[in-house]
């Protein structure tokens, strides 16, 4: 029987990579003096709660990964580059998280809903068409935003570290020795990528909201907020299931859009970037071993 590997995840940060295990997280960063600096810390209790094991509810963990944990990792990596030691935790972290989440919901969910409602009112469209237009605008905004930020040189560097993170996890899951020479041969795409989660969430929102029918202004906007955790849970379970069944050709076929979108958020990494990513992964695995996993 083939041993089931842990679902390790990660994220690119400024001049580095964060790798998340089941109990701890490690961040490896290339400091201005070119040395690799490693920061490790245990994961919060939310990763050990029943929430992390409950289908559909555990999709909320994926949102926390992308927002809360990701925000802390970015702050730590930025501090390494500037030499500052400002911590983002407690009220400051929750305020920043709430602000980021609010802006994201406003831009990608509420603004398209307003446009859809206006098209229904002033263009005489029925609810099905206005909901569909809303969804297509949302999808276009997400893809356009990712494409636009990727044109910024500093973000392009982060996207290259994102590619290094994917290659490292792909190499580990294939049983390869983690050296830059080996890891560089592996794909830039990964089925459990946060980009894949985001696209799946948006596509599911297009399908779901198109079926709601006509709604008053208030209920239309409220539904886009209230249904977001539910859609996140469904999107996460879909992504998790497809990632665990890649041996089937039809599964590999239906996830091609997710993998294609990752070409916007990844770049081919250098050998030096792979060294950083491998260091983060090894530090995370060392933490897991110390805990006895």
Protein backbone atom coordinates (compact mmCIF):
# COMPACT_ATOMS: atom_id res chain seq x y z
CA UNK A 1 0.00 0.00 0.00
CA UNK A 2 1.39 3.41 -0.98
CA UNK A 3 1.99 5.71 1.98
CA UNK A 4 -0.14 8.83 1.84
CA UNK A 5 2.03 11.95 1.91
CA UNK A 6 1.08 15.00 3.98
CA UNK A 7 -0.56 17.83 2.07
CA UNK A 8 2.22 20.34 2.53
CA UNK A 9 1.63 23.86 1.28
CA UNK A 10 3.57 27.02 0.83
CA UNK A 11 3.73 30.57 -0.36
CA UNK A 12 6.27 32.87 -1.91
CA UNK A 13 7.40 35.83 0.18
CA UNK A 14 9.84 38.68 -0.43
CA UNK A 15 13.14 37.04 -1.44
CA UNK A 16 11.99 33.77 0.02
CA UNK A 17 9.52 30.95 0.50
CA UNK A 18 7.22 29.91 3.33
CA UNK A 19 6.53 26.20 3.77
CA UNK A 20 3.65 25.05 5.95
CA UNK A 21 3.51 21.60 7.47
CA UNK A 22 0.84 20.05 9.67
CA UNK A 23 2.18 21.45 12.94
CA UNK A 24 4.73 24.13 12.05
CA UNK A 25 5.76 26.66 9.46
CA UNK A 26 9.21 27.62 8.17
CA UNK A 27 10.22 30.67 6.17
CA UNK A 28 13.57 30.81 4.37
CA UNK A 29 14.70 34.17 3.01
CA UNK A 30 17.73 35.45 1.11
CA UNK A 31 19.04 38.33 3.21
CA UNK A 32 20.74 41.38 1.65
CA UNK A 33 24.13 39.82 2.53
CA UNK A 34 23.06 36.77 0.45
CA UNK A 35 22.87 34.45 3.44
CA UNK A 36 19.75 32.30 3.86
CA UNK A 37 17.85 33.26 7.02
CA UNK A 38 15.33 30.78 8.40
CA UNK A 39 12.40 31.57 10.68
CA UNK A 40 10.30 28.78 12.20
CA UNK A 41 7.28 28.81 14.46
CA UNK A 42 4.48 26.42 15.44
CA UNK A 43 1.14 26.72 13.74
CA UNK A 44 -1.76 28.20 15.64
CA UNK A 45 -4.34 26.00 17.35
CA UNK A 46 -6.76 26.42 14.42
CA UNK A 47 -4.69 23.89 12.46
CA UNK A 48 -5.14 21.34 15.23
CA UNK A 49 -8.85 21.91 15.76
CA UNK A 50 -11.75 19.85 14.43
CA UNK A 51 -12.24 22.58 11.85
CA UNK A 52 -9.08 21.48 10.03
CA UNK A 53 -10.47 17.95 9.64
CA UNK A 54 -14.12 18.71 8.92
CA UNK A 55 -15.04 18.56 5.21
CA UNK A 56 -16.26 21.88 3.77
CA UNK A 57 -15.41 23.74 6.98
CA UNK A 58 -11.69 23.14 6.48
CA UNK A 59 -11.83 25.37 3.41
CA UNK A 60 -11.77 28.26 5.87
CA UNK A 61 -8.25 27.15 6.82
CA UNK A 62 -7.24 27.73 3.20
CA UNK A 63 -8.52 31.29 3.46
CA UNK A 64 -6.55 31.81 6.66
CA UNK A 65 -3.46 30.41 4.92
CA UNK A 66 -3.77 32.96 2.15
CA UNK A 67 -4.59 35.89 4.43
CA UNK A 68 -3.52 35.57 8.07
CA UNK A 69 -0.52 33.26 7.84
CA UNK A 70 0.50 34.69 4.48
CA UNK A 71 0.39 38.24 5.79
CA UNK A 72 2.64 37.36 8.72
CA UNK A 73 5.12 35.60 6.45
CA UNK A 74 5.28 38.58 4.09
CA UNK A 75 5.88 40.92 7.03
CA UNK A 76 8.71 38.76 8.38
CA UNK A 77 10.37 38.59 4.97
CA UNK A 78 10.04 42.34 4.46
CA UNK A 79 11.66 42.94 7.86
CA UNK A 80 14.64 40.79 6.84
CA UNK A 81 15.22 43.02 3.82
CA UNK A 82 14.92 46.29 5.77
CA UNK A 83 16.54 45.20 9.03
CA UNK A 84 13.47 46.18 11.03
CA UNK A 85 11.82 43.97 13.62
CA UNK A 86 8.25 45.20 13.57
CA UNK A 87 5.82 42.40 14.38
CA UNK A 88 2.43 42.00 12.77
CA UNK A 89 0.34 40.20 15.36
CA UNK A 90 -2.60 40.70 17.68
CA UNK A 91 -4.89 43.65 16.88
CA UNK A 92 -2.59 44.95 14.13
CA UNK A 93 -2.72 41.60 12.32
CA UNK A 94 -6.50 41.32 12.63
CA UNK A 95 -7.02 44.89 11.46
CA UNK A 96 -4.78 44.35 8.43
CA UNK A 97 -6.49 41.05 7.72
CA UNK A 98 -9.96 42.60 7.95
CA UNK A 99 -8.93 45.49 5.72
CA UNK A 100 -7.42 43.18 3.08
CA UNK A 101 -10.42 40.86 3.16
CA UNK A 102 -12.82 43.81 2.94
CA UNK A 103 -11.03 45.30 -0.06
CA UNK A 104 -10.94 41.92 -1.78
CA UNK A 105 -14.63 41.25 -1.22
CA UNK A 106 -15.51 44.78 -2.30
CA UNK A 107 -13.52 44.65 -5.54
CA UNK A 108 -14.10 41.06 -6.64
CA UNK A 109 -17.57 40.30 -5.26
CA UNK A 110 -19.59 43.41 -4.42
CA UNK A 111 -18.52 45.64 -7.34
CA UNK A 112 -19.48 43.00 -9.98
CA UNK A 113 -22.78 42.47 -8.13
CA UNK A 114 -23.55 46.18 -8.38
CA UNK A 115 -22.77 46.17 -12.11
CA UNK A 116 -24.96 43.11 -12.59
CA UNK A 117 -27.85 44.73 -10.74
CA UNK A 118 -27.51 47.90 -12.80
CA UNK A 119 -27.57 45.91 -16.03
CA UNK A 120 -30.73 44.20 -14.85
CA UNK A 121 -32.41 47.48 -13.98
CA UNK A 122 -31.33 49.76 -16.83
CA UNK A 123 -30.70 47.33 -19.70
CA UNK A 124 -33.79 45.23 -19.11
CA UNK A 125 -31.87 41.97 -18.68
CA UNK A 126 -33.43 39.10 -16.80
CA UNK A 127 -31.86 37.94 -13.53
CA UNK A 128 -30.10 34.93 -15.10
CA UNK A 129 -28.23 37.06 -17.64
CA UNK A 130 -27.36 39.80 -15.15
CA UNK A 131 -25.98 37.20 -12.71
CA UNK A 132 -23.97 35.63 -15.50
CA UNK A 133 -22.56 39.01 -16.55
CA UNK A 134 -21.68 39.68 -12.92
CA UNK A 135 -19.78 36.39 -12.74
CA UNK A 136 -17.90 36.98 -15.97
CA UNK A 137 -16.89 40.47 -14.77
CA UNK A 138 -15.67 38.91 -11.51
CA UNK A 139 -13.62 36.34 -13.39
CA UNK A 140 -12.18 39.01 -15.66
CA UNK A 141 -11.25 41.20 -12.68
CA UNK A 142 -9.41 38.35 -10.95
CA UNK A 143 -7.44 37.34 -14.03
CA UNK A 144 -6.77 40.96 -14.99
CA UNK A 145 -5.56 41.82 -11.50
CA UNK A 146 -3.19 38.86 -11.39
CA UNK A 147 -1.84 39.73 -14.85
CA UNK A 148 -1.37 43.40 -13.94
CA UNK A 149 0.47 42.84 -10.66
CA UNK A 150 2.69 40.29 -12.38
CA UNK A 151 4.01 43.08 -14.62
CA UNK A 152 5.58 44.79 -11.60
CA UNK A 153 9.27 43.71 -11.45
CA UNK A 154 9.31 43.13 -7.68
CA UNK A 155 6.16 41.00 -7.91
CA UNK A 156 7.74 39.09 -10.78
CA UNK A 157 10.55 38.14 -8.39
CA UNK A 158 8.00 36.90 -5.86
CA UNK A 159 6.32 34.86 -8.60
CA UNK A 160 9.70 33.22 -9.35
CA UNK A 161 9.93 32.15 -5.71
CA UNK A 162 6.37 30.86 -6.11
CA UNK A 163 7.66 28.69 -8.94
CA UNK A 164 10.48 27.48 -6.68
CA UNK A 165 7.96 26.53 -3.99
CA UNK A 166 5.90 24.49 -6.48
CA UNK A 167 8.93 22.72 -7.92
CA UNK A 168 10.15 21.79 -4.44
CA UNK A 169 6.84 20.29 -3.35
CA UNK A 170 6.45 18.49 -6.69
CA UNK A 171 9.94 17.03 -6.27
CA UNK A 172 9.20 15.87 -2.72
CA UNK A 173 5.92 14.26 -3.74
CA UNK A 174 7.76 12.44 -6.55
CA UNK A 175 10.34 11.06 -4.12
CA UNK A 176 13.27 12.94 -5.62
CA UNK A 177 16.28 14.10 -3.63
CA UNK A 178 15.86 17.79 -2.89
CA UNK A 179 18.80 19.41 -4.63
CA UNK A 180 18.57 22.40 -6.99
CA UNK A 181 19.78 20.21 -9.86
CA UNK A 182 16.93 17.74 -9.28
CA UNK A 183 14.18 20.13 -8.27
CA UNK A 184 14.57 22.40 -11.30
CA UNK A 185 13.34 19.57 -13.55
CA UNK A 186 9.90 19.49 -11.97
CA UNK A 187 6.79 21.43 -13.13
CA UNK A 188 5.94 24.99 -12.16
CA UNK A 189 2.28 24.03 -11.64
CA UNK A 190 0.74 22.25 -8.69
CA UNK A 191 -2.85 21.07 -8.30
CA UNK A 192 -3.20 22.41 -4.74
CA UNK A 193 -1.94 25.92 -5.52
CA UNK A 194 -3.70 28.90 -3.99
CA UNK A 195 -4.16 30.29 -7.49
CA UNK A 196 -6.12 27.15 -8.36
CA UNK A 197 -8.23 27.62 -5.23
CA UNK A 198 -8.98 31.23 -6.18
CA UNK A 199 -10.02 30.37 -9.74
CA UNK A 200 -12.17 27.48 -8.53
CA UNK A 201 -13.86 29.75 -5.99
CA UNK A 202 -14.64 32.36 -8.65
CA UNK A 203 -15.94 29.82 -11.17
CA UNK A 204 -18.19 28.22 -8.55
CA UNK A 205 -19.49 31.67 -7.62
CA UNK A 206 -20.38 32.29 -11.29
CA UNK A 207 -22.37 29.05 -11.42
CA UNK A 208 -24.03 29.42 -8.02
CA UNK A 209 -25.02 33.08 -8.19
CA UNK A 210 -26.40 32.58 -11.72
CA UNK A 211 -29.00 30.25 -10.24
CA UNK A 212 -30.23 32.56 -7.48
CA UNK A 213 -32.66 34.48 -9.64
CA UNK A 214 -33.81 38.08 -9.06
CA UNK A 215 -32.95 39.62 -5.70
CA UNK A 216 -33.40 43.11 -4.21
CA UNK A 217 -30.27 45.27 -3.93
CA UNK A 218 -29.66 44.48 -0.27
CA UNK A 219 -30.13 40.74 -0.54
CA UNK A 220 -28.03 40.53 -3.68
CA UNK A 221 -25.06 42.18 -1.98
CA UNK A 222 -25.58 40.29 1.28
CA UNK A 223 -25.73 36.95 -0.51
CA UNK A 224 -22.28 37.59 -2.08
CA UNK A 225 -20.80 38.00 1.39
CA UNK A 226 -22.78 35.36 3.29
CA UNK A 227 -22.25 32.64 0.69
CA UNK A 228 -18.49 33.24 0.40
CA UNK A 229 -17.50 30.84 3.24
CA UNK A 230 -19.78 28.15 1.81
CA UNK A 231 -18.33 28.55 -1.67
CA UNK A 232 -14.81 28.51 -0.21
CA UNK A 233 -15.58 25.21 1.49
CA UNK A 234 -16.95 23.68 -1.71
CA UNK A 235 -14.02 24.98 -3.78
CA UNK A 236 -11.50 23.59 -1.30
CA UNK A 237 -13.07 20.13 -1.28
CA UNK A 238 -13.15 20.12 -5.09
CA UNK A 239 -9.48 21.12 -5.29
CA UNK A 240 -8.47 18.60 -2.62
CA UNK A 241 -10.36 15.78 -4.34
CA UNK A 242 -8.96 16.49 -7.80
CA UNK A 243 -5.40 16.79 -6.43
CA UNK A 244 -5.76 13.32 -4.88
CA UNK A 245 -7.09 11.71 -8.07
CA UNK A 246 -4.66 12.87 -10.76
CA UNK A 247 -4.23 9.27 -11.90
CA UNK A 248 -7.49 9.68 -13.82
CA UNK A 249 -7.19 11.32 -17.23
CA UNK A 250 -10.54 13.13 -17.01
CA UNK A 251 -9.49 14.73 -13.70
CA UNK A 252 -6.26 15.98 -15.28
CA UNK A 253 -8.40 17.40 -18.07
CA UNK A 254 -10.81 19.38 -15.88
CA UNK A 255 -8.03 20.98 -13.82
CA UNK A 256 -6.20 22.31 -16.88
CA UNK A 257 -7.69 25.83 -16.47
CA UNK A 258 -6.38 25.92 -12.90
CA UNK A 259 -2.92 24.89 -14.01
CA UNK A 260 -2.98 27.34 -16.92
CA UNK A 261 -3.78 30.28 -14.64
CA UNK A 262 -0.72 29.43 -12.56
CA UNK A 263 1.44 30.55 -15.49
CA UNK A 264 0.42 34.08 -14.47
CA UNK A 265 1.58 33.62 -10.86
CA UNK A 266 4.75 31.61 -11.33
CA UNK A 267 8.08 32.24 -13.06
CA UNK A 268 11.01 29.86 -13.66
CA UNK A 269 13.23 30.16 -10.57
CA UNK A 270 17.01 30.38 -10.48
CA UNK A 271 19.19 27.79 -8.71
CA UNK A 272 19.68 30.28 -5.87
CA UNK A 273 15.90 30.58 -5.43
CA UNK A 274 15.59 26.80 -5.33
CA UNK A 275 18.21 26.69 -2.59
CA UNK A 276 16.01 29.00 -0.51
CA UNK A 277 12.87 26.98 -1.19
CA UNK A 278 14.59 23.70 -0.33
CA UNK A 279 15.94 25.25 2.88
CA UNK A 280 12.42 26.29 3.88
CA UNK A 281 11.05 22.83 3.13
CA UNK A 282 13.81 21.05 5.04
CA UNK A 283 13.37 23.37 8.03
CA UNK A 284 9.64 22.70 8.04
CA UNK A 285 10.23 18.93 7.85
CA UNK A 286 12.73 19.14 10.71
CA UNK A 287 10.05 20.79 12.82
CA UNK A 288 7.63 17.97 11.99
CA UNK A 289 10.25 15.39 13.00
CA UNK A 290 10.90 17.10 16.33
CA UNK A 291 7.20 16.96 17.13
CA UNK A 292 7.23 13.27 16.23
CA UNK A 293 5.35 13.31 12.91
